[in-house]
PDB file of all heavy atoms in Angstrom:
ATOM      1  N   PRO A   1      15.578  -3.816   4.564  1.00  0.00           N
ATOM      2  CA  PRO A   1      15.190  -3.476   5.942  1.00  0.00           C
ATOM      3  C   PRO A   1      13.826  -2.796   6.002  1.00  0.00           C
ATOM      4  O   PRO A   1      13.481  -1.993   5.135  1.00  0.00           O
ATOM      5  CB  PRO A   1      16.305  -2.525   6.392  1.00  0.00           C
ATOM      6  CG  PRO A   1      17.475  -2.855   5.520  1.00  0.00           C
ATOM      7  CD  PRO A   1      16.890  -3.234   4.201  1.00  0.00           C
ATOM      8  N   GLU A   2      13.066  -3.106   7.036  1.00  0.00           N
ATOM      9  CA  GLU A   2      11.728  -2.531   7.182  1.00  0.00           C
ATOM     10  C   GLU A   2      11.774  -1.025   7.417  1.00  0.00           C
ATOM     11  O   GLU A   2      10.808  -0.319   7.103  1.00  0.00           O
ATOM     12  CB  GLU A   2      10.983  -3.214   8.331  1.00  0.00           C
ATOM     13  CG  GLU A   2      10.601  -4.656   8.050  1.00  0.00           C
ATOM     14  CD  GLU A   2       9.701  -5.226   9.130  1.00  0.00           C
ATOM     15  OE1 GLU A   2       8.760  -4.531   9.535  1.00  0.00           O
ATOM     16  OE2 GLU A   2       9.943  -6.360   9.574  1.00  0.00           O
ATOM     17  N   ASP A   3      12.893  -0.520   7.951  1.00  0.00           N
ATOM     18  CA  ASP A   3      12.980   0.913   8.226  1.00  0.00           C
ATOM     19  C   ASP A   3      13.626   1.681   7.082  1.00  0.00           C
ATOM     20  O   ASP A   3      13.959   2.859   7.231  1.00  0.00           O
ATOM     21  CB  ASP A   3      13.745   1.161   9.523  1.00  0.00           C
ATOM     22  CG  ASP A   3      15.200   0.718   9.464  1.00  0.00           C
ATOM     23  OD1 ASP A   3      15.576   0.030   8.480  1.00  0.00           O
ATOM     24  OD2 ASP A   3      15.970   1.060  10.390  1.00  0.00           O
ATOM     25  N   MET A   4      13.802   1.044   5.929  1.00  0.00           N
ATOM     26  CA  MET A   4      14.342   1.732   4.767  1.00  0.00           C
ATOM     27  C   MET A   4      13.181   2.196   3.890  1.00  0.00           C
ATOM     28  O   MET A   4      12.455   1.383   3.324  1.00  0.00           O
ATOM     29  CB  MET A   4      15.280   0.813   3.973  1.00  0.00           C
ATOM     30  CG  MET A   4      16.052   1.528   2.878  1.00  0.00           C
ATOM     31  SD  MET A   4      17.321   0.460   2.129  1.00  0.00           S
ATOM     32  CE  MET A   4      18.529   0.382   3.463  1.00  0.00           C
ATOM     33  N   PRO A   5      12.964   3.497   3.752  1.00  0.00           N
ATOM     34  CA  PRO A   5      11.809   3.993   3.001  1.00  0.00           C
ATOM     35  C   PRO A   5      11.865   3.592   1.533  1.00  0.00           C
ATOM     36  O   PRO A   5      12.937   3.540   0.919  1.00  0.00           O
ATOM     37  CB  PRO A   5      11.917   5.516   3.155  1.00  0.00           C
ATOM     38  CG  PRO A   5      12.787   5.733   4.345  1.00  0.00           C
ATOM     39  CD  PRO A   5      13.746   4.590   4.360  1.00  0.00           C
ATOM     40  N   THR A   6      10.684   3.309   0.969  1.00  0.00           N
ATOM     41  CA  THR A   6      10.566   2.956  -0.438  1.00  0.00           C
ATOM     42  C   THR A   6       9.627   3.932  -1.141  1.00  0.00           C
ATOM     43  O   THR A   6       8.960   4.755  -0.489  1.00  0.00           O
ATOM     44  CB  THR A   6      10.000   1.541  -0.608  1.00  0.00           C
ATOM     45  OG1 THR A   6       8.613   1.553  -0.218  1.00  0.00           O
ATOM     46  CG2 THR A   6      10.768   0.525   0.224  1.00  0.00           C
ATOM     47  N   ILE A   7       9.530   3.797  -2.439  1.00  0.00           N
ATOM     48  CA  ILE A   7       8.599   4.611  -3.196  1.00  0.00           C
ATOM     49  C   ILE A   7       7.166   4.362  -2.752  1.00  0.00           C
ATOM     50  O   ILE A   7       6.320   5.260  -2.812  1.00  0.00           O
ATOM     51  CB  ILE A   7       8.769   4.350  -4.709  1.00  0.00           C
ATOM     52  CG1 ILE A   7       8.007   5.398  -5.521  1.00  0.00           C
ATOM     53  CG2 ILE A   7       8.361   2.932  -5.090  1.00  0.00           C
ATOM     54  CD1 ILE A   7       8.285   5.334  -7.013  1.00  0.00           C
ATOM     55  N   ALA A   8       6.889   3.146  -2.259  1.00  0.00           N
ATOM     56  CA  ALA A   8       5.541   2.848  -1.775  1.00  0.00           C
ATOM     57  C   ALA A   8       5.219   3.647  -0.519  1.00  0.00           C
ATOM     58  O   ALA A   8       4.096   4.139  -0.344  1.00  0.00           O
ATOM     59  CB  ALA A   8       5.392   1.347  -1.514  1.00  0.00           C
ATOM     60  N   HIS A   9       6.188   3.768   0.391  1.00  0.00           N
ATOM     61  CA  HIS A   9       5.986   4.620   1.565  1.00  0.00           C
ATOM     62  C   HIS A   9       5.711   6.066   1.132  1.00  0.00           C
ATOM     63  O   HIS A   9       4.797   6.725   1.640  1.00  0.00           O
ATOM     64  CB  HIS A   9       7.225   4.608   2.465  1.00  0.00           C
ATOM     65  CG  HIS A   9       7.456   3.321   3.192  1.00  0.00           C
ATOM     66  ND1 HIS A   9       8.424   2.420   2.825  1.00  0.00           N
ATOM     67  CD2 HIS A   9       6.845   2.787   4.272  1.00  0.00           C
ATOM     68  CE1 HIS A   9       8.413   1.387   3.652  1.00  0.00           C
ATOM     69  NE2 HIS A   9       7.457   1.583   4.544  1.00  0.00           N
ATOM     70  N   ALA A  10       6.510   6.544   0.174  1.00  0.00           N
ATOM     71  CA  ALA A  10       6.386   7.935  -0.257  1.00  0.00           C
ATOM     72  C   ALA A  10       5.047   8.196  -0.934  1.00  0.00           C
ATOM     73  O   ALA A  10       4.406   9.237  -0.698  1.00  0.00           O
ATOM     74  CB  ALA A  10       7.535   8.283  -1.205  1.00  0.00           C
ATOM     75  N   MET A  11       4.601   7.257  -1.764  1.00  0.00           N
ATOM     76  CA  MET A  11       3.335   7.446  -2.474  1.00  0.00           C
ATOM     77  C   MET A  11       2.154   7.353  -1.516  1.00  0.00           C
ATOM     78  O   MET A  11       1.155   8.080  -1.664  1.00  0.00           O
ATOM     79  CB  MET A  11       3.217   6.415  -3.588  1.00  0.00           C
ATOM     80  CG  MET A  11       4.301   6.530  -4.657  1.00  0.00           C
ATOM     81  SD  MET A  11       4.187   8.027  -5.644  1.00  0.00           S
ATOM     82  CE  MET A  11       2.897   7.565  -6.800  1.00  0.00           C
ATOM     83  N   THR A  12       2.251   6.478  -0.530  1.00  0.00           N
ATOM     84  CA  THR A  12       1.193   6.379   0.478  1.00  0.00           C
ATOM     85  C   THR A  12       1.099   7.684   1.264  1.00  0.00           C
ATOM     86  O   THR A  12       0.006   8.219   1.485  1.00  0.00           O
ATOM     87  CB  THR A  12       1.456   5.206   1.434  1.00  0.00           C
ATOM     88  OG1 THR A  12       1.537   3.990   0.687  1.00  0.00           O
ATOM     89  CG2 THR A  12       0.336   5.074   2.456  1.00  0.00           C
ATOM     90  N   ALA A  13       2.250   8.210   1.666  1.00  0.00           N
ATOM     91  CA  ALA A  13       2.265   9.468   2.424  1.00  0.00           C
ATOM     92  C   ALA A  13       1.745  10.632   1.586  1.00  0.00           C
ATOM     93  O   ALA A  13       1.198  11.596   2.130  1.00  0.00           O
ATOM     94  CB  ALA A  13       3.689   9.757   2.898  1.00  0.00           C
ATOM     95  N   ALA A  14       1.875  10.540   0.261  1.00  0.00           N
ATOM     96  CA  ALA A  14       1.411  11.612  -0.626  1.00  0.00           C
ATOM     97  C   ALA A  14      -0.085  11.539  -0.902  1.00  0.00           C
ATOM     98  O   ALA A  14      -0.627  12.410  -1.588  1.00  0.00           O
ATOM     99  CB  ALA A  14       2.180  11.557  -1.944  1.00  0.00           C
ATOM    100  N   GLY A  15      -0.756  10.502  -0.368  1.00  0.00           N
ATOM    101  CA  GLY A  15      -2.198  10.423  -0.518  1.00  0.00           C
ATOM    102  C   GLY A  15      -2.697   9.351  -1.467  1.00  0.00           C
ATOM    103  O   GLY A  15      -3.896   9.281  -1.751  1.00  0.00           O
ATOM    104  N   TYR A  16      -1.804   8.494  -1.944  1.00  0.00           N
ATOM    105  CA  TYR A  16      -2.188   7.437  -2.871  1.00  0.00           C
ATOM    106  C   TYR A  16      -2.642   6.163  -2.147  1.00  0.00           C
ATOM    107  O   TYR A  16      -2.184   5.868  -1.038  1.00  0.00           O
ATOM    108  CB  TYR A  16      -1.014   7.078  -3.783  1.00  0.00           C
ATOM    109  CG  TYR A  16      -0.873   7.985  -4.985  1.00  0.00           C
ATOM    110  CD1 TYR A  16      -0.232   9.218  -4.867  1.00  0.00           C
ATOM    111  CD2 TYR A  16      -1.376   7.621  -6.220  1.00  0.00           C
ATOM    112  CE1 TYR A  16      -0.100  10.058  -5.959  1.00  0.00           C
ATOM    113  CE2 TYR A  16      -1.243   8.458  -7.324  1.00  0.00           C
ATOM    114  CZ  TYR A  16      -0.615   9.675  -7.185  1.00  0.00           C
ATOM    115  OH  TYR A  16      -0.498  10.503  -8.264  1.00  0.00           O
ATOM    116  N   ASP A  17      -3.558   5.456  -2.792  1.00  0.00           N
ATOM    117  CA  ASP A  17      -3.869   4.081  -2.411  1.00  0.00           C
ATOM    118  C   ASP A  17      -2.836   3.213  -3.111  1.00  0.00           C
ATOM    119  O   ASP A  17      -2.877   3.042  -4.326  1.00  0.00           O
ATOM    120  CB  ASP A  17      -5.285   3.707  -2.856  1.00  0.00           C
ATOM    121  CG  ASP A  17      -5.647   2.268  -2.513  1.00  0.00           C
ATOM    122  OD1 ASP A  17      -4.981   1.675  -1.636  1.00  0.00           O
ATOM    123  OD2 ASP A  17      -6.580   1.726  -3.136  1.00  0.00           O
ATOM    124  N   THR A  18      -1.881   2.678  -2.369  1.00  0.00           N
ATOM    125  CA  THR A  18      -0.752   1.951  -2.958  1.00  0.00           C
ATOM    126  C   THR A  18      -1.030   0.456  -2.906  1.00  0.00           C
ATOM    127  O   THR A  18      -1.203  -0.122  -1.837  1.00  0.00           O
ATOM    128  CB  THR A  18       0.548   2.283  -2.220  1.00  0.00           C
ATOM    129  OG1 THR A  18       0.377   2.024  -0.818  1.00  0.00           O
ATOM    130  CG2 THR A  18       0.912   3.745  -2.406  1.00  0.00           C
ATOM    131  N   VAL A  19      -1.024  -0.167  -4.076  1.00  0.00           N
ATOM    132  CA  VAL A  19      -1.381  -1.582  -4.186  1.00  0.00           C
ATOM    133  C   VAL A  19      -0.315  -2.312  -4.999  1.00  0.00           C
ATOM    134  O   VAL A  19       0.082  -1.854  -6.079  1.00  0.00           O
ATOM    135  CB  VAL A  19      -2.756  -1.777  -4.868  1.00  0.00           C
ATOM    136  CG1 VAL A  19      -3.136  -3.250  -4.893  1.00  0.00           C
ATOM    137  CG2 VAL A  19      -3.820  -0.950  -4.167  1.00  0.00           C
ATOM    138  N   LEU A  20       0.125  -3.431  -4.481  1.00  0.00           N
ATOM    139  CA  LEU A  20       1.031  -4.322  -5.199  1.00  0.00           C
ATOM    140  C   LEU A  20       0.256  -5.560  -5.612  1.00  0.00           C
ATOM    141  O   LEU A  20      -0.244  -6.292  -4.761  1.00  0.00           O
ATOM    142  CB  LEU A  20       2.222  -4.705  -4.318  1.00  0.00           C
ATOM    143  CG  LEU A  20       3.154  -5.794  -4.860  1.00  0.00           C
ATOM    144  CD1 LEU A  20       3.766  -5.381  -6.195  1.00  0.00           C
ATOM    145  CD2 LEU A  20       4.247  -6.122  -3.845  1.00  0.00           C
ATOM    146  N   ALA A  21       0.146  -5.784  -6.920  1.00  0.00           N
ATOM    147  CA  ALA A  21      -0.521  -6.981  -7.433  1.00  0.00           C
ATOM    148  C   ALA A  21       0.536  -7.872  -8.051  1.00  0.00           C
ATOM    149  O   ALA A  21       1.082  -7.560  -9.106  1.00  0.00           O
ATOM    150  CB  ALA A  21      -1.580  -6.605  -8.473  1.00  0.00           C
ATOM    151  N   GLY A  22       0.856  -8.970  -7.376  1.00  0.00           N
ATOM    152  CA  GLY A  22       1.793  -9.923  -7.940  1.00  0.00           C
ATOM    153  C   GLY A  22       3.198  -9.823  -7.387  1.00  0.00           C
ATOM    154  O   GLY A  22       3.418  -9.546  -6.214  1.00  0.00           O
ATOM    155  N   ARG A  23       4.161  -9.989  -8.267  1.00  0.00           N
ATOM    156  CA  ARG A  23       5.541 -10.253  -7.891  1.00  0.00           C
ATOM    157  C   ARG A  23       6.317  -9.011  -7.472  1.00  0.00           C
ATOM    158  O   ARG A  23       6.192  -7.952  -8.083  1.00  0.00           O
ATOM    159  CB  ARG A  23       6.258 -10.911  -9.066  1.00  0.00           C
ATOM    160  CG  ARG A  23       7.733 -11.226  -8.813  1.00  0.00           C
ATOM    161  CD  ARG A  23       8.226 -12.270  -9.756  1.00  0.00           C
ATOM    162  NE  ARG A  23       9.639 -12.553  -9.584  1.00  0.00           N
ATOM    163  CZ  ARG A  23      10.144 -13.260  -8.584  1.00  0.00           C
ATOM    164  NH1 ARG A  23       9.350 -13.744  -7.642  1.00  0.00           N
ATOM    165  NH2 ARG A  23      11.439 -13.495  -8.515  1.00  0.00           N
ATOM    166  N   MET A  24       7.151  -9.174  -6.422  1.00  0.00           N
ATOM    167  CA  MET A  24       8.156  -8.186  -6.087  1.00  0.00           C
ATOM    168  C   MET A  24       9.404  -8.843  -5.509  1.00  0.00           C
ATOM    169  O   MET A  24      10.437  -8.218  -5.372  1.00  0.00           O
ATOM    170  CB  MET A  24       7.602  -7.133  -5.122  1.00  0.00           C
ATOM    171  CG  MET A  24       8.499  -5.914  -4.941  1.00  0.00           C
ATOM    172  SD  MET A  24       8.994  -5.107  -6.480  1.00  0.00           S
ATOM    173  CE  MET A  24       7.513  -4.240  -6.933  1.00  0.00           C
ATOM    174  N   HIS A  25       9.321 -10.110  -5.162  1.00  0.00           N
ATOM    175  CA  HIS A  25      10.478 -10.886  -4.675  1.00  0.00           C
ATOM    176  C   HIS A  25      11.037 -10.329  -3.366  1.00  0.00           C
ATOM    177  O   HIS A  25      12.249 -10.232  -3.172  1.00  0.00           O
ATOM    178  CB  HIS A  25      11.583 -10.954  -5.731  1.00  0.00           C
ATOM    179  CG  HIS A  25      12.439 -12.177  -5.620  1.00  0.00           C
ATOM    180  ND1 HIS A  25      13.111 -12.730  -6.686  1.00  0.00           N
ATOM    181  CD2 HIS A  25      12.717 -12.979  -4.572  1.00  0.00           C
ATOM    182  CE1 HIS A  25      13.780 -13.795  -6.302  1.00  0.00           C
ATOM    183  NE2 HIS A  25      13.551 -13.967  -5.008  1.00  0.00           N
ATOM    184  N   PHE A  26      10.137  -9.965  -2.450  1.00  0.00           N
ATOM    185  CA  PHE A  26      10.568  -9.553  -1.127  1.00  0.00           C
ATOM    186  C   PHE A  26      11.012 -10.780  -0.331  1.00  0.00           C
ATOM    187  O   PHE A  26      10.372 -11.826  -0.362  1.00  0.00           O
ATOM    188  CB  PHE A  26       9.424  -8.876  -0.365  1.00  0.00           C
ATOM    189  CG  PHE A  26       9.081  -7.501  -0.862  1.00  0.00           C
ATOM    190  CD1 PHE A  26       7.755  -7.118  -1.016  1.00  0.00           C
ATOM    191  CD2 PHE A  26      10.068  -6.569  -1.152  1.00  0.00           C
ATOM    192  CE1 PHE A  26       7.414  -5.851  -1.458  1.00  0.00           C
ATOM    193  CE2 PHE A  26       9.740  -5.297  -1.588  1.00  0.00           C
ATOM    194  CZ  PHE A  26       8.409  -4.940  -1.740  1.00  0.00           C
ATOM    195  N   LYS A  27      12.077 -10.631   0.439  1.00  0.00           N
ATOM    196  CA  LYS A  27      12.496 -11.661   1.393  1.00  0.00           C
ATOM    197  C   LYS A  27      12.036 -11.258   2.791  1.00  0.00           C
ATOM    198  O   LYS A  27      11.941 -10.079   3.116  1.00  0.00           O
ATOM    199  CB  LYS A  27      14.018 -11.811   1.389  1.00  0.00           C
ATOM    200  CG  LYS A  27      14.597 -12.275   0.075  1.00  0.00           C
ATOM    201  CD  LYS A  27      14.209 -13.702  -0.267  1.00  0.00           C
ATOM    202  CE  LYS A  27      14.883 -14.713   0.637  1.00  0.00           C
ATOM    203  NZ  LYS A  27      14.695 -16.090   0.170  1.00  0.00           N
ATOM    204  N   GLY A  28      11.743 -12.281   3.607  1.00  0.00           N
ATOM    205  CA  GLY A  28      11.437 -12.018   4.993  1.00  0.00           C
ATOM    206  C   GLY A  28       9.972 -11.797   5.288  1.00  0.00           C
ATOM    207  O   GLY A  28       9.094 -11.990   4.444  1.00  0.00           O
ATOM    208  N   HIS A  29       9.707 -11.369   6.522  1.00  0.00           N
ATOM    209  CA  HIS A  29       8.337 -11.251   7.020  1.00  0.00           C
ATOM    210  C   HIS A  29       7.568 -10.128   6.341  1.00  0.00           C
ATOM    211  O   HIS A  29       6.384 -10.285   6.013  1.00  0.00           O
ATOM    212  CB  HIS A  29       8.368 -11.018   8.538  1.00  0.00           C
ATOM    213  CG  HIS A  29       7.015 -10.732   9.127  1.00  0.00           C
ATOM    214  ND1 HIS A  29       6.056 -11.706   9.289  1.00  0.00           N
ATOM    215  CD2 HIS A  29       6.460  -9.566   9.570  1.00  0.00           C
ATOM    216  CE1 HIS A  29       4.966 -11.164   9.814  1.00  0.00           C
ATOM    217  NE2 HIS A  29       5.184  -9.876   9.993  1.00  0.00           N
ATOM    218  N   ASP A  30       8.195  -8.977   6.137  1.00  0.00           N
ATOM    219  CA  ASP A  30       7.512  -7.830   5.549  1.00  0.00           C
ATOM    220  C   ASP A  30       7.364  -8.050   4.047  1.00  0.00           C
ATOM    221  O   ASP A  30       8.341  -8.000   3.289  1.00  0.00           O
ATOM    222  CB  ASP A  30       8.313  -6.553   5.816  1.00  0.00           C
ATOM    223  CG  ASP A  30       7.568  -5.297   5.372  1.00  0.00           C
ATOM    224  OD1 ASP A  30       6.502  -5.430   4.735  1.00  0.00           O
ATOM    225  OD2 ASP A  30       8.065  -4.185   5.659  1.00  0.00           O
ATOM    226  N   GLN A  31       6.150  -8.288   3.601  1.00  0.00           N
ATOM    227  CA  GLN A  31       5.883  -8.530   2.186  1.00  0.00           C
ATOM    228  C   GLN A  31       5.171  -7.346   1.529  1.00  0.00           C
ATOM    229  O   GLN A  31       4.635  -7.492   0.429  1.00  0.00           O
ATOM    230  CB  GLN A  31       5.056  -9.806   2.020  1.00  0.00           C
ATOM    231  CG  GLN A  31       5.834 -11.077   2.311  1.00  0.00           C
ATOM    232  CD  GLN A  31       6.919 -11.324   1.277  1.00  0.00           C
ATOM    233  OE1 GLN A  31       6.634 -11.493   0.092  1.00  0.00           O
ATOM    234  NE2 GLN A  31       8.172 -11.361   1.719  1.00  0.00           N
ATOM    235  N   ASN A  32       5.187  -6.200   2.193  1.00  0.00           N
ATOM    236  CA  ASN A  32       4.554  -4.994   1.632  1.00  0.00           C
ATOM    237  C   ASN A  32       5.533  -3.837   1.448  1.00  0.00           C
ATOM    238  O   ASN A  32       5.473  -3.126   0.459  1.00  0.00           O
ATOM    239  CB  ASN A  32       3.391  -4.546   2.511  1.00  0.00           C
ATOM    240  CG  ASN A  32       2.179  -5.429   2.330  1.00  0.00           C
ATOM    241  OD1 ASN A  32       2.280  -6.635   2.133  1.00  0.00           O
ATOM    242  ND2 ASN A  32       0.994  -4.830   2.389  1.00  0.00           N
ATOM    243  N   HIS A  33       6.402  -3.592   2.417  1.00  0.00           N
ATOM    244  CA  HIS A  33       7.398  -2.520   2.353  1.00  0.00           C
ATOM    245  C   HIS A  33       6.806  -1.199   1.880  1.00  0.00           C
ATOM    246  O   HIS A  33       7.315  -0.551   0.970  1.00  0.00           O
ATOM    247  CB  HIS A  33       8.574  -2.935   1.464  1.00  0.00           C
ATOM    248  CG  HIS A  33       9.484  -3.931   2.117  1.00  0.00           C
ATOM    249  ND1 HIS A  33      10.426  -3.567   3.049  1.00  0.00           N
ATOM    250  CD2 HIS A  33       9.555  -5.282   1.988  1.00  0.00           C
ATOM    251  CE1 HIS A  33      11.067  -4.653   3.458  1.00  0.00           C
ATOM    252  NE2 HIS A  33      10.547  -5.710   2.833  1.00  0.00           N
ATOM    253  N   GLY A  34       5.707  -0.828   2.501  1.00  0.00           N
ATOM    254  CA  GLY A  34       5.098   0.471   2.241  1.00  0.00           C
ATOM    255  C   GLY A  34       3.824   0.419   1.422  1.00  0.00           C
ATOM    256  O   GLY A  34       3.056   1.382   1.430  1.00  0.00           O
ATOM    257  N   PHE A  35       3.581  -0.680   0.705  1.00  0.00           N
ATOM    258  CA  PHE A  35       2.317  -0.810  -0.015  1.00  0.00           C
ATOM    259  C   PHE A  35       1.193  -1.046   0.993  1.00  0.00           C
ATOM    260  O   PHE A  35       1.334  -1.848   1.925  1.00  0.00           O
ATOM    261  CB  PHE A  35       2.372  -1.978  -0.996  1.00  0.00           C
ATOM    262  CG  PHE A  35       3.214  -1.715  -2.215  1.00  0.00           C
ATOM    263  CD1 PHE A  35       4.540  -2.125  -2.269  1.00  0.00           C
ATOM    264  CD2 PHE A  35       2.680  -1.029  -3.302  1.00  0.00           C
ATOM    265  CE1 PHE A  35       5.318  -1.883  -3.389  1.00  0.00           C
ATOM    266  CE2 PHE A  35       3.451  -0.777  -4.427  1.00  0.00           C
ATOM    267  CZ  PHE A  35       4.783  -1.204  -4.467  1.00  0.00           C
ATOM    268  N   ALA A  36       0.068  -0.367   0.785  1.00  0.00           N
ATOM    269  CA  ALA A  36      -1.053  -0.504   1.705  1.00  0.00           C
ATOM    270  C   ALA A  36      -1.723  -1.863   1.580  1.00  0.00           C
ATOM    271  O   ALA A  36      -2.233  -2.404   2.565  1.00  0.00           O
ATOM    272  CB  ALA A  36      -2.079   0.606   1.448  1.00  0.00           C
ATOM    273  N   ARG A  37      -1.711  -2.411   0.354  1.00  0.00           N
ATOM    274  CA  ARG A  37      -2.357  -3.702   0.105  1.00  0.00           C
ATOM    275  C   ARG A  37      -1.528  -4.506  -0.873  1.00  0.00           C
ATOM    276  O   ARG A  37      -0.773  -3.958  -1.668  1.00  0.00           O
ATOM    277  CB  ARG A  37      -3.758  -3.506  -0.486  1.00  0.00           C
ATOM    278  CG  ARG A  37      -4.781  -2.926   0.453  1.00  0.00           C
ATOM    279  CD  ARG A  37      -6.125  -2.848  -0.251  1.00  0.00           C
ATOM    280  NE  ARG A  37      -6.186  -1.760  -1.220  1.00  0.00           N
ATOM    281  CZ  ARG A  37      -7.039  -1.699  -2.235  1.00  0.00           C
ATOM    282  NH1 ARG A  37      -7.873  -2.727  -2.442  1.00  0.00           N
ATOM    283  NH2 ARG A  37      -7.069  -0.654  -3.041  1.00  0.00           N
ATOM    284  N   ARG A  38      -1.711  -5.841  -0.797  1.00  0.00           N
ATOM    285  CA  ARG A  38      -1.048  -6.726  -1.755  1.00  0.00           C
ATOM    286  C   ARG A  38      -2.042  -7.754  -2.259  1.00  0.00           C
ATOM    287  O   ARG A  38      -2.754  -8.387  -1.464  1.00  0.00           O
ATOM    288  CB  ARG A  38       0.154  -7.414  -1.122  1.00  0.00           C
ATOM    289  CG  ARG A  38       0.902  -8.274  -2.130  1.00  0.00           C
ATOM    290  CD  ARG A  38       2.276  -8.656  -1.671  1.00  0.00           C
ATOM    291  NE  ARG A  38       2.984  -9.331  -2.760  1.00  0.00           N
ATOM    292  CZ  ARG A  38       4.219  -9.766  -2.686  1.00  0.00           C
ATOM    293  NH1 ARG A  38       4.906  -9.606  -1.570  1.00  0.00           N
ATOM    294  NH2 ARG A  38       4.784 -10.374  -3.719  1.00  0.00           N
TER     295      ARG A  38
END
């Protein structure tokens, strides 16, 4: 679910530039789930 917080949300809120490079196997429209960039 998009409203379920992830470690990416937490790290972004803590001041990190959160980047996902490559695979995570997300289903659905939201392909970031808290990562600022992919």
